[in-house]
Structure formats: C-alpha cells, structure tokens
Amino acid sequence: MNKEIRKGQLVTSRAGRDKKRDYIVYDWDDQFVYVVDGEYKRLANPKKKNINHLWYSEKIDVDLQGKMEEQKKVTNKDIRDALERLLQS
C-alpha cells in the first residue's frame, strides 16, 4: 500500500453512489478502508471502500485520532463534530 492512511483522517469518496461524500477513516486492511461519518455511516456499521476509490486529505483530527489509537470510547457525535471541524478548516 503506497498511500499513507491514518485514523481520524479526512477522505472523500470518488466512486460509487456516495461519490463526493466526506468521511473519516476508522480502520483499514490491505484492500479496503473502513470509513464513517457519524450519520449516514455510523461506527456500528462502517462503510467499506476500496483504497483506490477515495481522495485522501492531509487533514487529520488529532483529538479523534488519539481516542481511536488509545481505544477509548468514540461516539457518532465525536465523528460528526470532527468531520465538521475538518471541513471548516
């Protein structure tokens, strides 16, 4: 995998029915990135996207990233708030 992916990173879908929808990276494996937006795709059921079907932003919500990496409880509201902050900056 040559793209640098981090938890809490802002990404935008570039293919599929959700084209141009913004998400936050929740997790990933060799082929797929699991993304959430706290509303349409919640933490209980993250969206599975092909790695090549996303635009990757340099923006990362460090508060959310820290919570995810420390395996602290993250809520859908935390995701929505982080997404809003990233889109405004």
PDB file of N, CA and C in Angstrom:
ATOM      1  N   MET A   1       0.852  -1.174   0.000  1.00  0.00           N
ATOM      2  CA  MET A   1       0.000   0.000   0.000  1.00  0.00           C
ATOM      3  C   MET A   1       0.901   1.242   0.000  1.00  0.00           C
ATOM      4  N   ASN A   2       0.707   2.122  -0.954  1.00  0.00           N
ATOM      5  CA  ASN A   2       1.572   3.277  -1.071  1.00  0.00           C
ATOM      6  C   ASN A   2       0.943   4.563  -0.542  1.00  0.00           C
ATOM      7  N   LYS A   3      -0.332   4.547  -0.224  1.00  0.00           N
ATOM      8  CA  LYS A   3      -0.979   5.731   0.331  1.00  0.00           C
ATOM      9  C   LYS A   3      -0.838   5.701   1.853  1.00  0.00           C
ATOM     10  N   GLU A   4      -0.571   6.848   2.437  1.00  0.00           N
ATOM     11  CA  GLU A   4      -0.471   6.910   3.893  1.00  0.00           C
ATOM     12  C   GLU A   4      -1.861   7.151   4.466  1.00  0.00           C
ATOM     13  N   ILE A   5      -2.347   6.196   5.212  1.00  0.00           N
ATOM     14  CA  ILE A   5      -3.689   6.268   5.794  1.00  0.00           C
ATOM     15  C   ILE A   5      -3.539   6.316   7.302  1.00  0.00           C
ATOM     16  N   ARG A   6      -4.301   7.224   7.928  1.00  0.00           N
ATOM     17  CA  ARG A   6      -4.265   7.344   9.387  1.00  0.00           C
ATOM     18  C   ARG A   6      -5.676   7.412   9.924  1.00  0.00           C
ATOM     19  N   LYS A   7      -5.873   6.900  11.123  1.00  0.00           N
ATOM     20  CA  LYS A   7      -7.174   7.018  11.782  1.00  0.00           C
ATOM     21  C   LYS A   7      -7.452   8.486  12.035  1.00  0.00           C
ATOM     22  N   GLY A   8      -8.710   8.901  11.831  1.00  0.00           N
ATOM     23  CA  GLY A   8      -9.084  10.287  12.045  1.00  0.00           C
ATOM     24  C   GLY A   8      -8.838  11.182  10.842  1.00  0.00           C
ATOM     25  N   GLN A   9      -8.374  10.600   9.732  1.00  0.00           N
ATOM     26  CA  GLN A   9      -8.056  11.360   8.524  1.00  0.00           C
ATOM     27  C   GLN A   9      -9.317  11.639   7.708  1.00  0.00           C
ATOM     28  N   LEU A  10      -9.395  12.819   7.135  1.00  0.00           N
ATOM     29  CA  LEU A  10     -10.500  13.203   6.264  1.00  0.00           C
ATOM     30  C   LEU A  10     -10.271  12.612   4.876  1.00  0.00           C
ATOM     31  N   VAL A  11     -11.295  11.926   4.351  1.00  0.00           N
ATOM     32  CA  VAL A  11     -11.250  11.382   2.995  1.00  0.00           C
ATOM     33  C   VAL A  11     -12.564  11.718   2.297  1.00  0.00           C
ATOM     34  N   THR A  12     -12.534  11.700   0.973  1.00  0.00           N
ATOM     35  CA  THR A  12     -13.726  11.952   0.176  1.00  0.00           C
ATOM     36  C   THR A  12     -13.882  10.821  -0.819  1.00  0.00           C
ATOM     37  N   SER A  13     -15.105  10.311  -0.921  1.00  0.00           N
ATOM     38  CA  SER A  13     -15.387   9.245  -1.871  1.00  0.00           C
ATOM     39  C   SER A  13     -15.310   9.791  -3.284  1.00  0.00           C
ATOM     40  N   ARG A  14     -14.653   9.055  -4.176  1.00  0.00           N
ATOM     41  CA  ARG A  14     -14.580   9.495  -5.562  1.00  0.00           C
ATOM     42  C   ARG A  14     -15.226   8.503  -6.519  1.00  0.00           C
ATOM     43  N   ALA A  15     -15.875   7.475  -5.976  1.00  0.00           N
ATOM     44  CA  ALA A  15     -16.566   6.498  -6.814  1.00  0.00           C
ATOM     45  C   ALA A  15     -17.713   5.875  -6.028  1.00  0.00           C
ATOM     46  N   GLY A  16     -18.726   5.453  -6.740  1.00  0.00           N
ATOM     47  CA  GLY A  16     -19.859   4.794  -6.108  1.00  0.00           C
ATOM     48  C   GLY A  16     -21.025   5.736  -5.896  1.00  0.00           C
ATOM     49  N   ARG A  17     -22.067   5.214  -5.273  1.00  0.00           N
ATOM     50  CA  ARG A  17     -23.270   6.012  -5.009  1.00  0.00           C
ATOM     51  C   ARG A  17     -23.011   7.189  -4.087  1.00  0.00           C
ATOM     52  N   ASP A  18     -22.010   7.054  -3.249  1.00  0.00           N
ATOM     53  CA  ASP A  18     -21.692   8.102  -2.274  1.00  0.00           C
ATOM     54  C   ASP A  18     -20.614   9.053  -2.779  1.00  0.00           C
ATOM     55  N   LYS A  19     -20.430   9.134  -4.085  1.00  0.00           N
ATOM     56  CA  LYS A  19     -19.404   9.997  -4.683  1.00  0.00           C
ATOM     57  C   LYS A  19     -19.488  11.419  -4.120  1.00  0.00           C
ATOM     58  N   LYS A  20     -18.344  11.986  -3.778  1.00  0.00           N
ATOM     59  CA  LYS A  20     -18.173  13.338  -3.213  1.00  0.00           C
ATOM     60  C   LYS A  20     -18.634  13.470  -1.762  1.00  0.00           C
ATOM     61  N   ARG A  21     -18.943  12.363  -1.086  1.00  0.00           N
ATOM     62  CA  ARG A  21     -19.313  12.405   0.332  1.00  0.00           C
ATOM     63  C   ARG A  21     -18.037  12.330   1.169  1.00  0.00           C
ATOM     64  N   ASP A  22     -17.986  13.125   2.230  1.00  0.00           N
ATOM     65  CA  ASP A  22     -16.816  13.167   3.110  1.00  0.00           C
ATOM     66  C   ASP A  22     -16.965  12.173   4.252  1.00  0.00           C
ATOM     67  N   TYR A  23     -15.852  11.556   4.606  1.00  0.00           N
ATOM     68  CA  TYR A  23     -15.813  10.574   5.684  1.00  0.00           C
ATOM     69  C   TYR A  23     -14.547  10.775   6.511  1.00  0.00           C
ATOM     70  N   ILE A  24     -14.502  10.039   7.614  1.00  0.00           N
ATOM     71  CA  ILE A  24     -13.303   9.959   8.444  1.00  0.00           C
ATOM     72  C   ILE A  24     -12.869   8.502   8.473  1.00  0.00           C
ATOM     73  N   VAL A  25     -11.563   8.273   8.347  1.00  0.00           N
ATOM     74  CA  VAL A  25     -11.021   6.911   8.366  1.00  0.00           C
ATOM     75  C   VAL A  25     -11.179   6.330   9.760  1.00  0.00           C
ATOM     76  N   TYR A  26     -11.783   5.153   9.804  1.00  0.00           N
ATOM     77  CA  TYR A  26     -11.983   4.439  11.065  1.00  0.00           C
ATOM     78  C   TYR A  26     -10.971   3.298  11.198  1.00  0.00           C
ATOM     79  N   ASP A  27     -10.732   2.574  10.101  1.00  0.00           N
ATOM     80  CA  ASP A  27      -9.805   1.446  10.102  1.00  0.00           C
ATOM     81  C   ASP A  27      -9.484   1.091   8.656  1.00  0.00           C
ATOM     82  N   TRP A  28      -8.566   0.147   8.422  1.00  0.00           N
ATOM     83  CA  TRP A  28      -8.241  -0.297   7.069  1.00  0.00           C
ATOM     84  C   TRP A  28      -7.548  -1.641   7.121  1.00  0.00           C
ATOM     85  N   ASP A  29      -7.509  -2.298   5.954  1.00  0.00           N
ATOM     86  CA  ASP A  29      -6.732  -3.516   5.774  1.00  0.00           C
ATOM     87  C   ASP A  29      -6.006  -3.396   4.431  1.00  0.00           C
ATOM     88  N   ASP A  30      -5.580  -4.501   3.836  1.00  0.00           N
ATOM     89  CA  ASP A  30      -4.786  -4.440   2.603  1.00  0.00           C
ATOM     90  C   ASP A  30      -5.547  -3.873   1.410  1.00  0.00           C
ATOM     91  N   GLN A  31      -6.845  -4.120   1.316  1.00  0.00           N
ATOM     92  CA  GLN A  31      -7.613  -3.701   0.147  1.00  0.00           C
ATOM     93  C   GLN A  31      -8.649  -2.624   0.417  1.00  0.00           C
ATOM     94  N   PHE A  32      -9.115  -2.546   1.644  1.00  0.00           N
ATOM     95  CA  PHE A  32     -10.246  -1.676   1.940  1.00  0.00           C
ATOM     96  C   PHE A  32      -9.966  -0.710   3.085  1.00  0.00           C
ATOM     97  N   VAL A  33     -10.658   0.424   3.013  1.00  0.00           N
ATOM     98  CA  VAL A  33     -10.638   1.407   4.088  1.00  0.00           C
ATOM     99  C   VAL A  33     -12.056   1.446   4.650  1.00  0.00           C
ATOM    100  N   TYR A  34     -12.177   1.427   5.969  1.00  0.00           N
ATOM    101  CA  TYR A  34     -13.481   1.489   6.627  1.00  0.00           C
ATOM    102  C   TYR A  34     -13.677   2.919   7.107  1.00  0.00           C
ATOM    103  N   VAL A  35     -14.714   3.566   6.581  1.00  0.00           N
ATOM    104  CA  VAL A  35     -14.931   4.984   6.849  1.00  0.00           C
ATOM    105  C   VAL A  35     -16.290   5.205   7.512  1.00  0.00           C
ATOM    106  N   VAL A  36     -16.380   6.296   8.272  1.00  0.00           N
ATOM    107  CA  VAL A  36     -17.620   6.651   8.977  1.00  0.00           C
ATOM    108  C   VAL A  36     -17.856   8.152   8.840  1.00  0.00           C
ATOM    109  N   ASP A  37     -19.125   8.537   8.981  1.00  0.00           N
ATOM    110  CA  ASP A  37     -19.440   9.971   9.019  1.00  0.00           C
ATOM    111  C   ASP A  37     -20.316  10.309  10.221  1.00  0.00           C
ATOM    112  N   GLY A  38     -20.668   9.314  11.023  1.00  0.00           N
ATOM    113  CA  GLY A  38     -21.441   9.555  12.240  1.00  0.00           C
ATOM    114  C   GLY A  38     -22.926   9.722  12.005  1.00  0.00           C
ATOM    115  N   GLU A  39     -23.348   9.773  10.752  1.00  0.00           N
ATOM    116  CA  GLU A  39     -24.759   9.976  10.438  1.00  0.00           C
ATOM    117  C   GLU A  39     -25.232   8.903   9.457  1.00  0.00           C
ATOM    118  N   TYR A  40     -24.756   8.973   8.223  1.00  0.00           N
ATOM    119  CA  TYR A  40     -25.130   8.014   7.191  1.00  0.00           C
ATOM    120  C   TYR A  40     -24.451   6.671   7.454  1.00  0.00           C
ATOM    121  N   LYS A  41     -23.173   6.707   7.781  1.00  0.00           N
ATOM    122  CA  LYS A  41     -22.421   5.505   8.132  1.00  0.00           C
ATOM    123  C   LYS A  41     -21.896   5.678   9.545  1.00  0.00           C
ATOM    124  N   ARG A  42     -22.477   4.912  10.443  1.00  0.00           N
ATOM    125  CA  ARG A  42     -22.142   5.023  11.861  1.00  0.00           C
ATOM    126  C   ARG A  42     -21.038   4.049  12.261  1.00  0.00           C
ATOM    127  N   LEU A  43     -20.550   4.201  13.464  1.00  0.00           N
ATOM    128  CA  LEU A  43     -19.466   3.353  13.966  1.00  0.00           C
ATOM    129  C   LEU A  43     -19.839   1.879  14.008  1.00  0.00           C
ATOM    130  N   ALA A  44     -21.113   1.585  14.262  1.00  0.00           N
ATOM    131  CA  ALA A  44     -21.561   0.199  14.345  1.00  0.00           C
ATOM    132  C   ALA A  44     -21.539  -0.491  12.980  1.00  0.00           C
ATOM    133  N   ASN A  45     -21.570   0.295  11.902  1.00  0.00           N
ATOM    134  CA  ASN A  45     -21.611  -0.272  10.559  1.00  0.00           C
ATOM    135  C   ASN A  45     -20.816   0.621   9.592  1.00  0.00           C
ATOM    136  N   PRO A  46     -19.478   0.621   9.696  1.00  0.00           N
ATOM    137  CA  PRO A  46     -18.685   1.499   8.838  1.00  0.00           C
ATOM    138  C   PRO A  46     -18.780   1.099   7.365  1.00  0.00           C
ATOM    139  N   LYS A  47     -18.568   2.051   6.482  1.00  0.00           N
ATOM    140  CA  LYS A  47     -18.607   1.810   5.037  1.00  0.00           C
ATOM    141  C   LYS A  47     -17.268   1.242   4.600  1.00  0.00           C
ATOM    142  N   LYS A  48     -17.318   0.176   3.838  1.00  0.00           N
ATOM    143  CA  LYS A  48     -16.131  -0.481   3.323  1.00  0.00           C
ATOM    144  C   LYS A  48     -15.859   0.063   1.923  1.00  0.00           C
ATOM    145  N   LYS A  49     -14.763   0.791   1.762  1.00  0.00           N
ATOM    146  CA  LYS A  49     -14.423   1.410   0.479  1.00  0.00           C
ATOM    147  C   LYS A  49     -13.098   0.865  -0.044  1.00  0.00           C
ATOM    148  N   ASN A  50     -13.025   0.662  -1.344  1.00  0.00           N
ATOM    149  CA  ASN A  50     -11.783   0.290  -1.987  1.00  0.00           C
ATOM    150  C   ASN A  50     -10.774   1.422  -1.764  1.00  0.00           C
ATOM    151  N   ILE A  51      -9.546   1.063  -1.476  1.00  0.00           N
ATOM    152  CA  ILE A  51      -8.495   2.047  -1.209  1.00  0.00           C
ATOM    153  C   ILE A  51      -8.371   3.060  -2.346  1.00  0.00           C
ATOM    154  N   ASN A  52      -8.556   2.616  -3.575  1.00  0.00           N
ATOM    155  CA  ASN A  52      -8.393   3.492  -4.744  1.00  0.00           C
ATOM    156  C   ASN A  52      -9.615   4.354  -5.028  1.00  0.00           C
ATOM    157  N   HIS A  53     -10.700   4.168  -4.302  1.00  0.00           N
ATOM    158  CA  HIS A  53     -11.924   4.925  -4.544  1.00  0.00           C
ATOM    159  C   HIS A  53     -12.089   6.102  -3.596  1.00  0.00           C
ATOM    160  N   LEU A  54     -10.989   6.542  -2.993  1.00  0.00           N
ATOM    161  CA  LEU A  54     -11.033   7.666  -2.054  1.00  0.00           C
ATOM    162  C   LEU A  54      -9.982   8.698  -2.419  1.00  0.00           C
ATOM    163  N   TRP A  55     -10.310   9.965  -2.182  1.00  0.00           N
ATOM    164  CA  TRP A  55      -9.330  11.040  -2.224  1.00  0.00           C
ATOM    165  C   TRP A  55      -8.875  11.239  -0.787  1.00  0.00           C
ATOM    166  N   TYR A  56      -7.583  11.304  -0.567  1.00  0.00           N
ATOM    167  CA  TYR A  56      -7.022  11.411   0.779  1.00  0.00           C
ATOM    168  C   TYR A  56      -6.594  12.839   1.056  1.00  0.00           C
ATOM    169  N   SER A  57      -7.103  13.406   2.138  1.00  0.00           N
ATOM    170  CA  SER A  57      -6.747  14.747   2.554  1.00  0.00           C
ATOM    171  C   SER A  57      -5.587  14.663   3.543  1.00  0.00           C
ATOM    172  N   GLU A  58      -4.859  15.739   3.665  1.00  0.00           N
ATOM    173  CA  GLU A  58      -3.789  15.821   4.664  1.00  0.00           C
ATOM    174  C   GLU A  58      -4.361  16.132   6.048  1.00  0.00           C
ATOM    175  N   LYS A  59      -5.647  16.495   6.115  1.00  0.00           N
ATOM    176  CA  LYS A  59      -6.269  16.906   7.371  1.00  0.00           C
ATOM    177  C   LYS A  59      -6.582  15.693   8.247  1.00  0.00           C
ATOM    178  N   ILE A  60      -6.175  15.787   9.504  1.00  0.00           N
ATOM    179  CA  ILE A  60      -6.431  14.736  10.491  1.00  0.00           C
ATOM    180  C   ILE A  60      -6.901  15.405  11.768  1.00  0.00           C
ATOM    181  N   ASP A  61      -7.961  14.877  12.366  1.00  0.00           N
ATOM    182  CA  ASP A  61      -8.425  15.382  13.663  1.00  0.00           C
ATOM    183  C   ASP A  61      -7.614  14.663  14.736  1.00  0.00           C
ATOM    184  N   VAL A  62      -6.661  15.374  15.338  1.00  0.00           N
ATOM    185  CA  VAL A  62      -5.741  14.745  16.285  1.00  0.00           C
ATOM    186  C   VAL A  62      -6.430  14.276  17.563  1.00  0.00           C
ATOM    187  N   ASP A  63      -7.471  14.982  18.008  1.00  0.00           N
ATOM    188  CA  ASP A  63      -8.203  14.542  19.203  1.00  0.00           C
ATOM    189  C   ASP A  63      -8.865  13.195  18.950  1.00  0.00           C
ATOM    190  N   LEU A  64      -9.532  13.081  17.832  1.00  0.00           N
ATOM    191  CA  LEU A  64     -10.206  11.839  17.468  1.00  0.00           C
ATOM    192  C   LEU A  64      -9.193  10.731  17.206  1.00  0.00           C
ATOM    193  N   GLN A  65      -8.109  11.072  16.554  1.00  0.00           N
ATOM    194  CA  GLN A  65      -7.062  10.094  16.269  1.00  0.00           C
ATOM    195  C   GLN A  65      -6.498   9.515  17.571  1.00  0.00           C
ATOM    196  N   GLY A  66      -6.265  10.387  18.541  1.00  0.00           N
ATOM    197  CA  GLY A  66      -5.753   9.934  19.832  1.00  0.00           C
ATOM    198  C   GLY A  66      -6.718   8.999  20.533  1.00  0.00           C
ATOM    199  N   LYS A  67      -7.998   9.350  20.516  1.00  0.00           N
ATOM    200  CA  LYS A  67      -9.007   8.489  21.135  1.00  0.00           C
ATOM    201  C   LYS A  67      -9.050   7.117  20.471  1.00  0.00           C
ATOM    202  N   MET A  68      -9.006   7.108  19.136  1.00  0.00           N
ATOM    203  CA  MET A  68      -9.075   5.839  18.405  1.00  0.00           C
ATOM    204  C   MET A  68      -7.852   4.971  18.671  1.00  0.00           C
ATOM    205  N   GLU A  69      -6.674   5.575  18.666  1.00  0.00           N
ATOM    206  CA  GLU A  69      -5.453   4.814  18.865  1.00  0.00           C
ATOM    207  C   GLU A  69      -5.317   4.305  20.291  1.00  0.00           C
ATOM    208  N   GLU A  70      -5.859   5.029  21.257  1.00  0.00           N
ATOM    209  CA  GLU A  70      -5.826   4.590  22.651  1.00  0.00           C
ATOM    210  C   GLU A  70      -7.001   3.678  22.978  1.00  0.00           C
ATOM    211  N   GLN A  71      -7.829   3.401  21.972  1.00  0.00           N
ATOM    212  CA  GLN A  71      -9.010   2.538  22.088  1.00  0.00           C
ATOM    213  C   GLN A  71      -9.983   3.030  23.151  1.00  0.00           C
ATOM    214  N   LYS A  72     -10.115   4.354  23.236  1.00  0.00           N
ATOM    215  CA  LYS A  72     -11.109   4.948  24.119  1.00  0.00           C
ATOM    216  C   LYS A  72     -12.444   4.960  23.396  1.00  0.00           C
ATOM    217  N   LYS A  73     -13.518   5.160  24.135  1.00  0.00           N
ATOM    218  CA  LYS A  73     -14.848   5.177  23.533  1.00  0.00           C
ATOM    219  C   LYS A  73     -15.005   6.379  22.608  1.00  0.00           C
ATOM    220  N   VAL A  74     -15.392   6.101  21.369  1.00  0.00           N
ATOM    221  CA  VAL A  74     -15.657   7.127  20.367  1.00  0.00           C
ATOM    222  C   VAL A  74     -17.128   7.016  19.999  1.00  0.00           C
ATOM    223  N   THR A  75     -17.831   8.140  19.992  1.00  0.00           N
ATOM    224  CA  THR A  75     -19.257   8.131  19.663  1.00  0.00           C
ATOM    225  C   THR A  75     -19.479   8.696  18.261  1.00  0.00           C
ATOM    226  N   ASN A  76     -20.674   8.482  17.737  1.00  0.00           N
ATOM    227  CA  ASN A  76     -21.028   9.042  16.438  1.00  0.00           C
ATOM    228  C   ASN A  76     -21.011  10.567  16.482  1.00  0.00           C
ATOM    229  N   LYS A  77     -21.349  11.150  17.636  1.00  0.00           N
ATOM    230  CA  LYS A  77     -21.295  12.607  17.787  1.00  0.00           C
ATOM    231  C   LYS A  77     -19.854  13.093  17.681  1.00  0.00           C
ATOM    232  N   ASP A  78     -18.903  12.345  18.278  1.00  0.00           N
ATOM    233  CA  ASP A  78     -17.485  12.690  18.145  1.00  0.00           C
ATOM    234  C   ASP A  78     -17.074  12.715  16.670  1.00  0.00           C
ATOM    235  N   ILE A  79     -17.554  11.749  15.911  1.00  0.00           N
ATOM    236  CA  ILE A  79     -17.242  11.662  14.486  1.00  0.00           C
ATOM    237  C   ILE A  79     -17.830  12.862  13.740  1.00  0.00           C
ATOM    238  N   ARG A  80     -19.111  13.160  13.990  1.00  0.00           N
ATOM    239  CA  ARG A  80     -19.766  14.292  13.318  1.00  0.00           C
ATOM    240  C   ARG A  80     -19.056  15.607  13.641  1.00  0.00           C
ATOM    241  N   ASP A  81     -18.702  15.797  14.920  1.00  0.00           N
ATOM    242  CA  ASP A  81     -18.010  17.026  15.336  1.00  0.00           C
ATOM    243  C   ASP A  81     -16.639  17.141  14.665  1.00  0.00           C
ATOM    244  N   ALA A  82     -15.898  16.037  14.616  1.00  0.00           N
ATOM    245  CA  ALA A  82     -14.575  16.053  13.990  1.00  0.00           C
ATOM    246  C   ALA A  82     -14.688  16.333  12.496  1.00  0.00           C
ATOM    247  N   LEU A  83     -15.667  15.739  11.849  1.00  0.00           N
ATOM    248  CA  LEU A  83     -15.880  15.960  10.418  1.00  0.00           C
ATOM    249  C   LEU A  83     -16.205  17.428  10.144  1.00  0.00           C
ATOM    250  N   GLU A  84     -17.039  18.003  10.988  1.00  0.00           N
ATOM    251  CA  GLU A  84     -17.398  19.416  10.834  1.00  0.00           C
ATOM    252  C   GLU A  84     -16.164  20.314  11.014  1.00  0.00           C
ATOM    253  N   ARG A  85     -15.338  20.012  12.022  1.00  0.00           N
ATOM    254  CA  ARG A  85     -14.123  20.803  12.267  1.00  0.00           C
ATOM    255  C   ARG A  85     -13.167  20.713  11.069  1.00  0.00           C
ATOM    256  N   LEU A  86     -12.995  19.510  10.552  1.00  0.00           N
ATOM    257  CA  LEU A  86     -12.073  19.325   9.428  1.00  0.00           C
ATOM    258  C   LEU A  86     -12.553  20.018   8.168  1.00  0.00           C
ATOM    259  N   LEU A  87     -13.853  20.018   7.940  1.00  0.00           N
ATOM    260  CA  LEU A  87     -14.399  20.648   6.733  1.00  0.00           C
ATOM    261  C   LEU A  87     -14.352  22.172   6.827  1.00  0.00           C
ATOM    262  N   GLN A  88     -14.372  22.718   8.036  1.00  0.00           N
ATOM    263  CA  GLN A  88     -14.324  24.171   8.222  1.00  0.00           C
ATOM    264  C   GLN A  88     -12.903  24.718   8.151  1.00  0.00           C
ATOM    265  N   SER A  89     -11.931  23.868   8.442  1.00  0.00           N
ATOM    266  CA  SER A  89     -10.541  24.364   8.456  1.00  0.00           C
ATOM    267  C   SER A  89      -9.903  24.365   7.087  1.00  0.00           C
TER     268      SER A  89
END
